[in-house]
């Protein structure tokens, strides 16, 4: 595998770290929203809306970021910026021991209730990824994110999503999961 491909996989690993942190928080939020829905007296056909905020500090202190699976990728960092996320890390080649700075910039788009991420730039050291490598990275991201999204949200949809300097904030709408009430039939 060449260095550019390794960079793509490193960027994907960082994105998955970001989404894993988000998914864990979302799963917990979904559980608390479901509990709140069950306790409410609202009609069964209503949906529950929840605003979730995940800070840059929470992301960077998460287990996935601080304890990488590969010792070849170190110094992982997620930098939230308005409208984009910059992922950085250091990759150390096992054959030479030489280290390379990795950087990938991702922009989110909210489409049909899902956040779709796209790498707009990636680099290894001072060498920028080609358009072909960005296309390869975006294909990997799309596939991985789709699986993570389905696991985290189930039937929920994201109705708003924002990346600021300090946090990812999204609005999640979940259908009411209570069973429909069966009307009582009078006994004759």
N, C-alpha and C. Protein backbone atom coordinates (compact mmCIF):
# COMPACT_ATOMS: atom_id res chain seq x y z
N UNK A 1 0.86 -1.17 0.00
CA UNK A 1 0.00 0.00 0.00
C UNK A 1 0.90 1.23 0.00
N UNK A 2 0.63 2.19 -0.92
CA UNK A 2 1.48 3.36 -0.98
C UNK A 2 1.10 4.36 0.11
N UNK A 3 1.93 5.38 0.25
CA UNK A 3 1.75 6.35 1.33
C UNK A 3 0.44 7.11 1.20
N UNK A 4 0.04 7.45 -0.03
CA UNK A 4 -1.22 8.17 -0.22
C UNK A 4 -2.40 7.30 0.23
N UNK A 5 -2.36 6.02 -0.07
CA UNK A 5 -3.43 5.12 0.36
C UNK A 5 -3.46 5.02 1.88
N UNK A 6 -2.26 4.95 2.49
CA UNK A 6 -2.19 4.90 3.95
C UNK A 6 -2.78 6.17 4.55
N UNK A 7 -2.53 7.30 3.90
CA UNK A 7 -3.11 8.56 4.38
C UNK A 7 -4.63 8.51 4.31
N UNK A 8 -5.16 7.95 3.22
CA UNK A 8 -6.61 7.84 3.09
C UNK A 8 -7.20 7.01 4.21
N UNK A 9 -6.55 5.88 4.50
CA UNK A 9 -7.04 5.02 5.57
C UNK A 9 -6.88 5.69 6.93
N UNK A 10 -5.80 6.45 7.12
CA UNK A 10 -5.63 7.18 8.38
C UNK A 10 -6.72 8.22 8.55
N UNK A 11 -7.03 8.93 7.47
CA UNK A 11 -8.10 9.93 7.54
C UNK A 11 -9.43 9.26 7.84
N UNK A 12 -9.66 8.12 7.22
CA UNK A 12 -10.89 7.38 7.49
C UNK A 12 -10.95 6.95 8.96
N UNK A 13 -9.81 6.50 9.49
CA UNK A 13 -9.77 6.10 10.91
C UNK A 13 -10.12 7.28 11.81
N UNK A 14 -9.60 8.46 11.47
CA UNK A 14 -9.92 9.65 12.27
C UNK A 14 -11.39 10.01 12.14
N UNK A 15 -11.94 9.91 10.94
CA UNK A 15 -13.36 10.20 10.76
C UNK A 15 -14.20 9.23 11.56
N UNK A 16 -13.84 7.96 11.51
CA UNK A 16 -14.58 6.97 12.28
C UNK A 16 -14.48 7.25 13.77
N UNK A 17 -13.31 7.75 14.20
CA UNK A 17 -13.18 8.14 15.61
C UNK A 17 -14.16 9.25 15.94
N UNK A 18 -14.26 10.20 15.05
CA UNK A 18 -15.19 11.30 15.25
C UNK A 18 -16.62 10.78 15.28
N UNK A 19 -16.98 9.94 14.32
CA UNK A 19 -18.35 9.44 14.27
C UNK A 19 -18.65 8.47 15.40
N UNK A 20 -17.66 7.71 15.83
CA UNK A 20 -17.89 6.80 16.96
C UNK A 20 -18.23 7.58 18.20
N UNK A 21 -17.51 8.68 18.42
CA UNK A 21 -17.80 9.53 19.57
C UNK A 21 -19.21 10.08 19.44
N UNK A 22 -19.53 10.56 18.24
CA UNK A 22 -20.85 11.12 18.00
C UNK A 22 -21.93 10.06 18.16
N UNK A 23 -21.67 8.88 17.62
CA UNK A 23 -22.66 7.81 17.68
C UNK A 23 -22.93 7.36 19.11
N UNK A 24 -21.88 7.27 19.91
CA UNK A 24 -22.06 6.89 21.30
C UNK A 24 -22.95 7.89 22.01
N UNK A 25 -22.66 9.18 21.78
CA UNK A 25 -23.47 10.22 22.40
C UNK A 25 -24.89 10.17 21.87
N UNK A 26 -25.04 9.93 20.56
CA UNK A 26 -26.37 9.88 19.98
C UNK A 26 -27.16 8.69 20.50
N UNK A 27 -26.50 7.56 20.64
CA UNK A 27 -27.20 6.38 21.14
C UNK A 27 -27.71 6.63 22.56
N UNK A 28 -26.87 7.26 23.38
CA UNK A 28 -27.29 7.59 24.74
C UNK A 28 -28.43 8.59 24.72
N UNK A 29 -28.35 9.57 23.82
CA UNK A 29 -29.40 10.56 23.71
C UNK A 29 -30.69 9.91 23.26
N UNK A 30 -30.58 8.98 22.30
CA UNK A 30 -31.77 8.30 21.80
C UNK A 30 -32.47 7.53 22.92
N UNK A 31 -31.66 6.89 23.77
CA UNK A 31 -32.24 6.13 24.88
C UNK A 31 -32.98 7.06 25.83
N UNK A 32 -32.37 8.22 26.14
CA UNK A 32 -33.03 9.12 27.08
C UNK A 32 -34.26 9.75 26.43
N UNK A 33 -34.20 10.01 25.12
CA UNK A 33 -35.37 10.55 24.43
C UNK A 33 -36.49 9.52 24.44
N UNK A 34 -36.17 8.25 24.21
CA UNK A 34 -37.18 7.20 24.21
C UNK A 34 -37.83 7.08 25.58
N UNK A 35 -37.02 7.18 26.64
CA UNK A 35 -37.57 7.12 28.00
C UNK A 35 -38.50 8.29 28.25
N UNK A 36 -38.08 9.49 27.80
CA UNK A 36 -38.90 10.67 28.00
C UNK A 36 -40.21 10.55 27.22
N UNK A 37 -40.13 9.99 26.01
CA UNK A 37 -41.33 9.81 25.20
C UNK A 37 -42.30 8.86 25.88
N UNK A 38 -41.79 7.78 26.43
CA UNK A 38 -42.65 6.79 27.07
C UNK A 38 -43.36 7.37 28.28
N UNK A 39 -42.71 8.30 28.95
CA UNK A 39 -43.28 8.88 30.16
C UNK A 39 -44.24 10.03 29.87
N UNK A 40 -44.18 10.58 28.64
CA UNK A 40 -45.02 11.74 28.36
C UNK A 40 -46.45 11.31 28.07
N UNK A 41 -47.35 12.29 28.12
CA UNK A 41 -48.76 11.99 27.89
C UNK A 41 -49.17 12.42 26.48
N UNK A 42 -48.21 12.67 25.59
CA UNK A 42 -48.51 13.12 24.24
C UNK A 42 -49.15 11.98 23.44
N UNK A 43 -49.87 12.32 22.40
CA UNK A 43 -50.47 11.29 21.56
C UNK A 43 -49.40 10.39 20.94
N UNK A 44 -49.75 9.16 20.60
CA UNK A 44 -48.81 8.17 20.10
C UNK A 44 -48.19 8.55 18.76
N UNK A 45 -48.80 9.42 17.97
CA UNK A 45 -48.30 9.73 16.64
C UNK A 45 -47.27 10.86 16.64
N UNK A 46 -46.92 11.41 17.77
CA UNK A 46 -45.99 12.53 17.80
C UNK A 46 -44.54 12.05 17.73
N UNK A 47 -43.67 12.96 17.34
CA UNK A 47 -42.24 12.66 17.28
C UNK A 47 -41.56 13.47 18.39
N UNK A 48 -40.39 13.01 18.77
CA UNK A 48 -39.61 13.70 19.78
C UNK A 48 -38.40 14.34 19.11
N UNK A 49 -38.14 15.59 19.44
CA UNK A 49 -37.00 16.30 18.88
C UNK A 49 -36.00 16.56 19.99
N UNK A 50 -34.74 16.33 19.68
CA UNK A 50 -33.67 16.49 20.66
C UNK A 50 -32.51 17.21 20.00
N UNK A 51 -31.99 18.24 20.66
CA UNK A 51 -30.79 18.93 20.18
C UNK A 51 -29.61 18.35 20.94
N UNK A 52 -28.61 17.88 20.19
CA UNK A 52 -27.44 17.25 20.78
C UNK A 52 -26.21 18.07 20.40
N UNK A 53 -25.37 18.33 21.39
CA UNK A 53 -24.12 19.06 21.17
C UNK A 53 -22.96 18.20 21.64
N UNK A 54 -21.96 18.07 20.77
CA UNK A 54 -20.75 17.33 21.11
C UNK A 54 -19.59 18.30 20.93
N UNK A 55 -18.88 18.57 22.01
CA UNK A 55 -17.82 19.57 21.94
C UNK A 55 -16.53 18.99 21.36
N UNK A 56 -15.69 19.87 20.88
CA UNK A 56 -14.38 19.47 20.37
C UNK A 56 -13.57 18.80 21.49
N UNK A 57 -13.70 19.30 22.69
CA UNK A 57 -13.00 18.71 23.83
C UNK A 57 -13.47 17.27 24.09
N UNK A 58 -14.79 17.04 24.02
CA UNK A 58 -15.31 15.68 24.20
C UNK A 58 -14.78 14.74 23.13
N UNK A 59 -14.74 15.21 21.90
CA UNK A 59 -14.25 14.38 20.80
C UNK A 59 -12.78 14.04 21.03
N UNK A 60 -11.96 15.04 21.32
CA UNK A 60 -10.52 14.83 21.44
C UNK A 60 -10.12 14.09 22.71
N UNK A 61 -11.00 14.02 23.69
CA UNK A 61 -10.68 13.26 24.89
C UNK A 61 -11.32 11.87 24.87
N UNK A 62 -12.00 11.54 23.76
CA UNK A 62 -12.64 10.23 23.67
C UNK A 62 -11.61 9.12 23.57
N UNK A 63 -12.02 7.94 23.96
CA UNK A 63 -11.14 6.77 23.96
C UNK A 63 -10.58 6.48 22.57
N UNK A 64 -11.42 6.63 21.56
CA UNK A 64 -10.99 6.32 20.19
C UNK A 64 -9.87 7.25 19.73
N UNK A 65 -9.91 8.49 20.16
CA UNK A 65 -8.86 9.44 19.77
C UNK A 65 -7.61 9.25 20.63
N UNK A 66 -7.79 9.07 21.92
CA UNK A 66 -6.63 9.01 22.82
C UNK A 66 -5.95 7.64 22.84
N UNK A 67 -6.64 6.60 22.39
CA UNK A 67 -6.08 5.25 22.40
C UNK A 67 -6.25 4.62 21.01
N UNK A 68 -5.41 5.02 20.05
CA UNK A 68 -5.57 4.49 18.70
C UNK A 68 -5.27 3.00 18.63
N UNK A 69 -5.98 2.31 17.72
CA UNK A 69 -5.76 0.87 17.53
C UNK A 69 -4.40 0.60 16.90
N UNK A 70 -3.94 1.50 16.08
CA UNK A 70 -2.66 1.31 15.40
C UNK A 70 -1.60 2.22 16.01
N UNK A 71 -0.44 1.65 16.31
CA UNK A 71 0.65 2.47 16.84
C UNK A 71 1.33 3.25 15.72
N UNK A 72 0.97 2.98 14.47
CA UNK A 72 1.52 3.72 13.34
C UNK A 72 0.89 5.10 13.21
N UNK A 73 -0.31 5.26 13.76
CA UNK A 73 -1.01 6.54 13.68
C UNK A 73 -1.10 7.11 15.09
N UNK A 74 -0.45 8.23 15.31
CA UNK A 74 -0.40 8.86 16.63
C UNK A 74 -0.81 10.32 16.52
N UNK A 75 -0.86 10.98 17.65
CA UNK A 75 -1.17 12.42 17.73
C UNK A 75 -2.45 12.78 16.98
N UNK A 76 -3.48 11.97 17.14
CA UNK A 76 -4.76 12.25 16.50
C UNK A 76 -5.37 13.51 17.12
N UNK A 77 -5.96 14.30 16.25
CA UNK A 77 -6.62 15.52 16.73
C UNK A 77 -7.75 15.90 15.77
N UNK A 78 -8.86 16.32 16.34
CA UNK A 78 -10.00 16.80 15.57
C UNK A 78 -10.15 18.28 15.87
N UNK A 79 -10.10 19.10 14.83
CA UNK A 79 -10.23 20.55 14.96
C UNK A 79 -11.53 20.97 14.29
N UNK A 80 -12.48 21.40 15.10
CA UNK A 80 -13.75 21.87 14.55
C UNK A 80 -13.59 23.32 14.11
N UNK A 81 -14.05 23.60 12.93
CA UNK A 81 -14.03 24.96 12.38
C UNK A 81 -15.39 25.22 11.76
N UNK A 82 -15.80 26.48 11.66
CA UNK A 82 -17.13 26.74 11.12
C UNK A 82 -17.35 26.06 9.75
N UNK A 83 -18.31 25.13 9.72
CA UNK A 83 -18.68 24.45 8.50
C UNK A 83 -17.76 23.32 8.06
N UNK A 84 -16.75 22.99 8.85
CA UNK A 84 -15.85 21.91 8.45
C UNK A 84 -15.13 21.32 9.66
N UNK A 85 -14.52 20.16 9.42
CA UNK A 85 -13.76 19.46 10.45
C UNK A 85 -12.39 19.14 9.85
N UNK A 86 -11.33 19.47 10.59
CA UNK A 86 -9.98 19.17 10.13
C UNK A 86 -9.42 18.08 11.03
N UNK A 87 -9.06 16.95 10.43
CA UNK A 87 -8.51 15.81 11.14
C UNK A 87 -7.00 15.79 10.90
N UNK A 88 -6.22 15.67 11.95
CA UNK A 88 -4.77 15.58 11.80
C UNK A 88 -4.24 14.42 12.62
N UNK A 89 -3.09 13.91 12.19
CA UNK A 89 -2.43 12.82 12.89
C UNK A 89 -1.01 12.72 12.35
N UNK A 90 -0.25 11.85 12.98
CA UNK A 90 1.10 11.54 12.50
C UNK A 90 1.12 10.06 12.14
N UNK A 91 1.62 9.77 10.94
CA UNK A 91 1.75 8.40 10.48
C UNK A 91 3.23 8.04 10.47
N UNK A 92 3.59 6.92 11.09
CA UNK A 92 4.98 6.46 11.09
C UNK A 92 5.05 5.18 10.27
N UNK A 93 5.85 5.24 9.19
CA UNK A 93 6.01 4.07 8.31
C UNK A 93 6.80 3.00 9.03
N UNK A 94 6.28 1.77 9.02
CA UNK A 94 6.95 0.69 9.75
C UNK A 94 8.25 0.26 9.08
N UNK A 95 8.33 0.41 7.75
CA UNK A 95 9.54 -0.03 7.06
C UNK A 95 10.72 0.93 7.20
N UNK A 96 10.43 2.24 7.31
CA UNK A 96 11.52 3.23 7.41
C UNK A 96 11.58 3.92 8.76
N UNK A 97 10.48 3.89 9.49
CA UNK A 97 10.43 4.61 10.76
C UNK A 97 10.22 6.10 10.59
N UNK A 98 10.09 6.57 9.36
CA UNK A 98 9.90 7.99 9.08
C UNK A 98 8.46 8.40 9.39
N UNK A 99 8.29 9.59 9.95
CA UNK A 99 6.97 10.09 10.31
C UNK A 99 6.49 11.12 9.30
N UNK A 100 5.17 11.10 9.07
CA UNK A 100 4.54 12.03 8.14
C UNK A 100 3.32 12.65 8.81
N UNK A 101 3.16 13.95 8.62
CA UNK A 101 1.97 14.63 9.12
C UNK A 101 0.82 14.37 8.15
N UNK A 102 -0.32 13.97 8.69
CA UNK A 102 -1.51 13.71 7.88
C UNK A 102 -2.55 14.78 8.21
N UNK A 103 -3.26 15.22 7.19
CA UNK A 103 -4.33 16.18 7.41
C UNK A 103 -5.43 15.93 6.40
N UNK A 104 -6.67 15.97 6.88
CA UNK A 104 -7.83 15.82 6.01
C UNK A 104 -8.89 16.82 6.45
N UNK A 105 -9.45 17.52 5.50
CA UNK A 105 -10.53 18.46 5.79
C UNK A 105 -11.83 17.85 5.26
N UNK A 106 -12.82 17.83 6.13
CA UNK A 106 -14.13 17.25 5.79
C UNK A 106 -15.21 18.31 5.93
N UNK A 107 -16.15 18.29 5.00
CA UNK A 107 -17.29 19.18 5.10
C UNK A 107 -18.57 18.34 5.14
N UNK A 108 -19.50 18.71 6.01
CA UNK A 108 -20.76 17.97 6.10
C UNK A 108 -21.84 18.59 5.22
N UNK A 109 -22.74 17.74 4.75
CA UNK A 109 -23.93 18.19 4.04
C UNK A 109 -25.11 17.41 4.61
N UNK A 110 -26.16 18.12 4.94
CA UNK A 110 -27.37 17.47 5.45
C UNK A 110 -28.28 17.14 4.26
N UNK A 111 -28.50 15.83 4.03
CA UNK A 111 -29.30 15.37 2.90
C UNK A 111 -30.25 14.28 3.37
N UNK A 112 -31.52 14.47 3.15
CA UNK A 112 -32.54 13.46 3.47
C UNK A 112 -32.42 12.92 4.90
N UNK A 113 -32.19 13.81 5.85
CA UNK A 113 -32.14 13.41 7.25
C UNK A 113 -30.83 12.77 7.68
N UNK A 114 -29.81 12.80 6.83
CA UNK A 114 -28.50 12.24 7.16
C UNK A 114 -27.42 13.28 6.93
N UNK A 115 -26.35 13.18 7.69
CA UNK A 115 -25.18 14.02 7.46
C UNK A 115 -24.22 13.22 6.59
N UNK A 116 -23.88 13.79 5.45
CA UNK A 116 -22.93 13.16 4.55
C UNK A 116 -21.62 13.94 4.61
N UNK A 117 -20.51 13.24 4.83
CA UNK A 117 -19.21 13.88 4.95
C UNK A 117 -18.45 13.74 3.64
N UNK A 118 -17.73 14.79 3.26
CA UNK A 118 -16.91 14.73 2.06
C UNK A 118 -15.54 15.33 2.36
N UNK A 119 -14.51 14.58 1.99
CA UNK A 119 -13.13 15.09 2.12
C UNK A 119 -12.91 16.10 1.00
N UNK A 120 -12.61 17.33 1.37
CA UNK A 120 -12.35 18.35 0.37
C UNK A 120 -10.86 18.53 0.13
N UNK A 121 -10.05 18.08 1.09
CA UNK A 121 -8.60 18.08 0.91
C UNK A 121 -7.99 17.05 1.85
N UNK A 122 -6.83 16.54 1.44
CA UNK A 122 -6.07 15.60 2.28
C UNK A 122 -4.62 15.74 1.88
N UNK A 123 -3.73 15.54 2.85
CA UNK A 123 -2.31 15.63 2.52
C UNK A 123 -1.49 14.72 3.42
N UNK A 124 -0.35 14.33 2.87
CA UNK A 124 0.67 13.58 3.61
C UNK A 124 1.90 14.47 3.55
N UNK A 125 2.31 14.96 4.72
CA UNK A 125 3.40 15.94 4.71
C UNK A 125 2.95 17.15 3.91
N UNK A 126 3.76 17.52 2.92
CA UNK A 126 3.41 18.68 2.08
C UNK A 126 2.82 18.26 0.74
N UNK A 127 2.53 16.97 0.58
CA UNK A 127 1.99 16.47 -0.68
C UNK A 127 0.47 16.32 -0.57
N UNK A 128 -0.23 17.06 -1.41
CA UNK A 128 -1.70 17.00 -1.40
C UNK A 128 -2.18 15.76 -2.15
N UNK A 129 -3.29 15.22 -1.69
CA UNK A 129 -3.89 14.07 -2.36
C UNK A 129 -4.46 14.49 -3.71
N UNK A 130 -4.35 13.59 -4.67
CA UNK A 130 -4.91 13.85 -6.00
C UNK A 130 -6.44 13.75 -5.94
N UNK A 131 -7.08 14.21 -7.00
CA UNK A 131 -8.54 14.10 -7.07
C UNK A 131 -8.97 12.64 -7.01
N UNK A 132 -8.18 11.75 -7.61
CA UNK A 132 -8.51 10.32 -7.59
C UNK A 132 -8.46 9.78 -6.15
N UNK A 133 -7.44 10.18 -5.38
CA UNK A 133 -7.33 9.72 -3.99
C UNK A 133 -8.45 10.31 -3.14
N UNK A 134 -8.83 11.56 -3.40
CA UNK A 134 -9.96 12.14 -2.66
C UNK A 134 -11.24 11.38 -2.99
N UNK A 135 -11.42 10.99 -4.24
CA UNK A 135 -12.61 10.22 -4.63
C UNK A 135 -12.61 8.87 -3.91
N UNK A 136 -11.44 8.23 -3.81
CA UNK A 136 -11.32 6.95 -3.10
C UNK A 136 -11.65 7.12 -1.62
N UNK A 137 -11.11 8.16 -1.02
CA UNK A 137 -11.38 8.45 0.39
C UNK A 137 -12.86 8.72 0.61
N UNK A 138 -13.47 9.51 -0.28
CA UNK A 138 -14.89 9.83 -0.13
C UNK A 138 -15.77 8.59 -0.27
N UNK A 139 -15.37 7.65 -1.10
CA UNK A 139 -16.13 6.40 -1.23
C UNK A 139 -16.05 5.60 0.08
N UNK A 140 -14.86 5.56 0.69
CA UNK A 140 -14.71 4.86 1.97
C UNK A 140 -15.52 5.54 3.07
N UNK A 141 -15.48 6.85 3.08
CA UNK A 141 -16.21 7.62 4.10
C UNK A 141 -17.71 7.38 3.96
N UNK A 142 -18.22 7.47 2.75
CA UNK A 142 -19.66 7.31 2.51
C UNK A 142 -20.15 5.96 3.00
N UNK A 143 -19.40 4.91 2.69
CA UNK A 143 -19.80 3.57 3.09
C UNK A 143 -19.77 3.41 4.61
N UNK A 144 -18.69 3.84 5.24
CA UNK A 144 -18.55 3.71 6.70
C UNK A 144 -19.56 4.56 7.44
N UNK A 145 -19.77 5.79 6.97
CA UNK A 145 -20.69 6.68 7.65
C UNK A 145 -22.12 6.15 7.56
N UNK A 146 -22.50 5.61 6.42
CA UNK A 146 -23.85 5.06 6.26
C UNK A 146 -24.12 3.96 7.28
N UNK A 147 -23.14 3.07 7.46
CA UNK A 147 -23.30 1.98 8.45
C UNK A 147 -23.38 2.56 9.87
N UNK A 148 -22.50 3.52 10.20
CA UNK A 148 -22.51 4.12 11.54
C UNK A 148 -23.82 4.84 11.80
N UNK A 149 -24.32 5.54 10.79
CA UNK A 149 -25.55 6.30 10.94
C UNK A 149 -26.73 5.38 11.26
N UNK A 150 -26.85 4.29 10.50
CA UNK A 150 -27.97 3.36 10.72
C UNK A 150 -27.91 2.76 12.12
N UNK A 151 -26.71 2.43 12.59
CA UNK A 151 -26.55 1.86 13.92
C UNK A 151 -26.93 2.87 15.00
N UNK A 152 -26.52 4.12 14.81
CA UNK A 152 -26.75 5.13 15.84
C UNK A 152 -28.16 5.66 15.88
N UNK A 153 -28.79 5.83 14.71
CA UNK A 153 -30.07 6.53 14.67
C UNK A 153 -31.28 5.65 14.50
N UNK A 154 -31.13 4.50 13.94
CA UNK A 154 -32.31 3.71 13.68
C UNK A 154 -33.29 4.52 12.85
N UNK A 155 -34.51 4.70 13.32
CA UNK A 155 -35.51 5.40 12.52
C UNK A 155 -35.42 6.93 12.62
N UNK A 156 -34.50 7.47 13.41
CA UNK A 156 -34.41 8.92 13.59
C UNK A 156 -33.84 9.63 12.37
N UNK A 157 -34.17 10.91 12.25
CA UNK A 157 -33.62 11.73 11.18
C UNK A 157 -33.02 13.00 11.78
N UNK A 158 -31.97 13.47 11.14
CA UNK A 158 -31.35 14.73 11.56
C UNK A 158 -32.00 15.83 10.74
N UNK A 159 -32.53 16.83 11.43
CA UNK A 159 -33.22 17.93 10.75
C UNK A 159 -32.39 19.20 10.69
N UNK A 160 -31.31 19.26 11.47
CA UNK A 160 -30.39 20.41 11.43
C UNK A 160 -29.02 19.93 11.89
N UNK A 161 -27.97 20.51 11.32
CA UNK A 161 -26.60 20.11 11.66
C UNK A 161 -25.70 21.31 11.48
N UNK A 162 -24.84 21.55 12.47
CA UNK A 162 -23.92 22.69 12.39
C UNK A 162 -22.58 22.31 13.01
N UNK A 163 -21.52 22.78 12.36
CA UNK A 163 -20.17 22.65 12.91
C UNK A 163 -19.70 24.07 13.22
N UNK A 164 -19.37 24.33 14.48
CA UNK A 164 -18.82 25.63 14.88
C UNK A 164 -17.37 25.43 15.31
N UNK A 165 -16.75 26.49 15.82
CA UNK A 165 -15.37 26.40 16.31
C UNK A 165 -15.23 25.45 17.49
N UNK A 166 -16.30 25.23 18.22
CA UNK A 166 -16.19 24.49 19.47
C UNK A 166 -17.04 23.23 19.56
N UNK A 167 -18.00 23.05 18.63
CA UNK A 167 -18.91 21.90 18.80
C UNK A 167 -19.60 21.51 17.51
N UNK A 168 -20.05 20.25 17.50
CA UNK A 168 -20.98 19.75 16.50
C UNK A 168 -22.34 19.80 17.16
N UNK A 169 -23.32 20.39 16.51
CA UNK A 169 -24.66 20.46 17.08
C UNK A 169 -25.64 19.97 16.03
N UNK A 170 -26.52 19.08 16.44
CA UNK A 170 -27.53 18.61 15.50
C UNK A 170 -28.85 18.43 16.20
N UNK A 171 -29.91 18.49 15.41
CA UNK A 171 -31.26 18.27 15.90
C UNK A 171 -31.71 16.93 15.35
N UNK A 172 -32.07 16.05 16.24
CA UNK A 172 -32.48 14.70 15.89
C UNK A 172 -33.97 14.55 16.19
N UNK A 173 -34.71 14.07 15.21
CA UNK A 173 -36.14 13.83 15.39
C UNK A 173 -36.37 12.33 15.36
N UNK A 174 -36.95 11.83 16.43
CA UNK A 174 -37.23 10.40 16.57
C UNK A 174 -38.74 10.18 16.61
N UNK A 175 -39.21 9.18 15.90
CA UNK A 175 -40.64 8.89 15.99
C UNK A 175 -40.96 8.36 17.38
N UNK A 176 -42.18 8.57 17.81
CA UNK A 176 -42.62 8.04 19.10
C UNK A 176 -42.63 6.52 18.99
N UNK A 177 -41.97 5.86 19.94
CA UNK A 177 -41.86 4.40 19.87
C UNK A 177 -42.90 3.67 20.71
N UNK A 178 -43.81 4.42 21.31
CA UNK A 178 -44.85 3.75 22.10
C UNK A 178 -45.82 3.02 21.19
N UNK A 179 -46.31 1.86 21.62
CA UNK A 179 -47.29 1.16 20.79
C UNK A 179 -48.59 1.97 20.71
N UNK A 180 -49.22 1.87 19.57
CA UNK A 180 -50.50 2.57 19.39
C UNK A 180 -51.52 1.98 20.35
N UNK A 181 -52.37 2.85 20.84
CA UNK A 181 -53.41 2.39 21.75
C UNK A 181 -54.52 1.71 20.96
N UNK A 182 -54.98 0.62 21.49
CA UNK A 182 -56.11 -0.09 20.87
C UNK A 182 -57.37 0.39 21.58
N UNK A 183 -58.32 0.89 20.80
CA UNK A 183 -59.54 1.37 21.45
C UNK A 183 -60.29 0.21 22.10
N UNK A 184 -60.88 0.52 23.23
CA UNK A 184 -61.67 -0.50 23.91
C UNK A 184 -63.00 -0.67 23.21
N UNK A 185 -63.35 -1.91 23.08
CA UNK A 185 -64.65 -2.24 22.47
C UNK A 185 -65.59 -2.56 23.63
N UNK A 186 -66.73 -1.86 23.67
CA UNK A 186 -67.65 -2.15 24.75
C UNK A 186 -68.19 -3.58 24.66
N UNK A 187 -68.29 -4.20 25.81
CA UNK A 187 -68.85 -5.55 25.85
C UNK A 187 -70.36 -5.48 25.78
N UNK A 188 -70.90 -6.41 25.05
CA UNK A 188 -72.37 -6.38 24.95
C UNK A 188 -72.99 -7.46 25.79
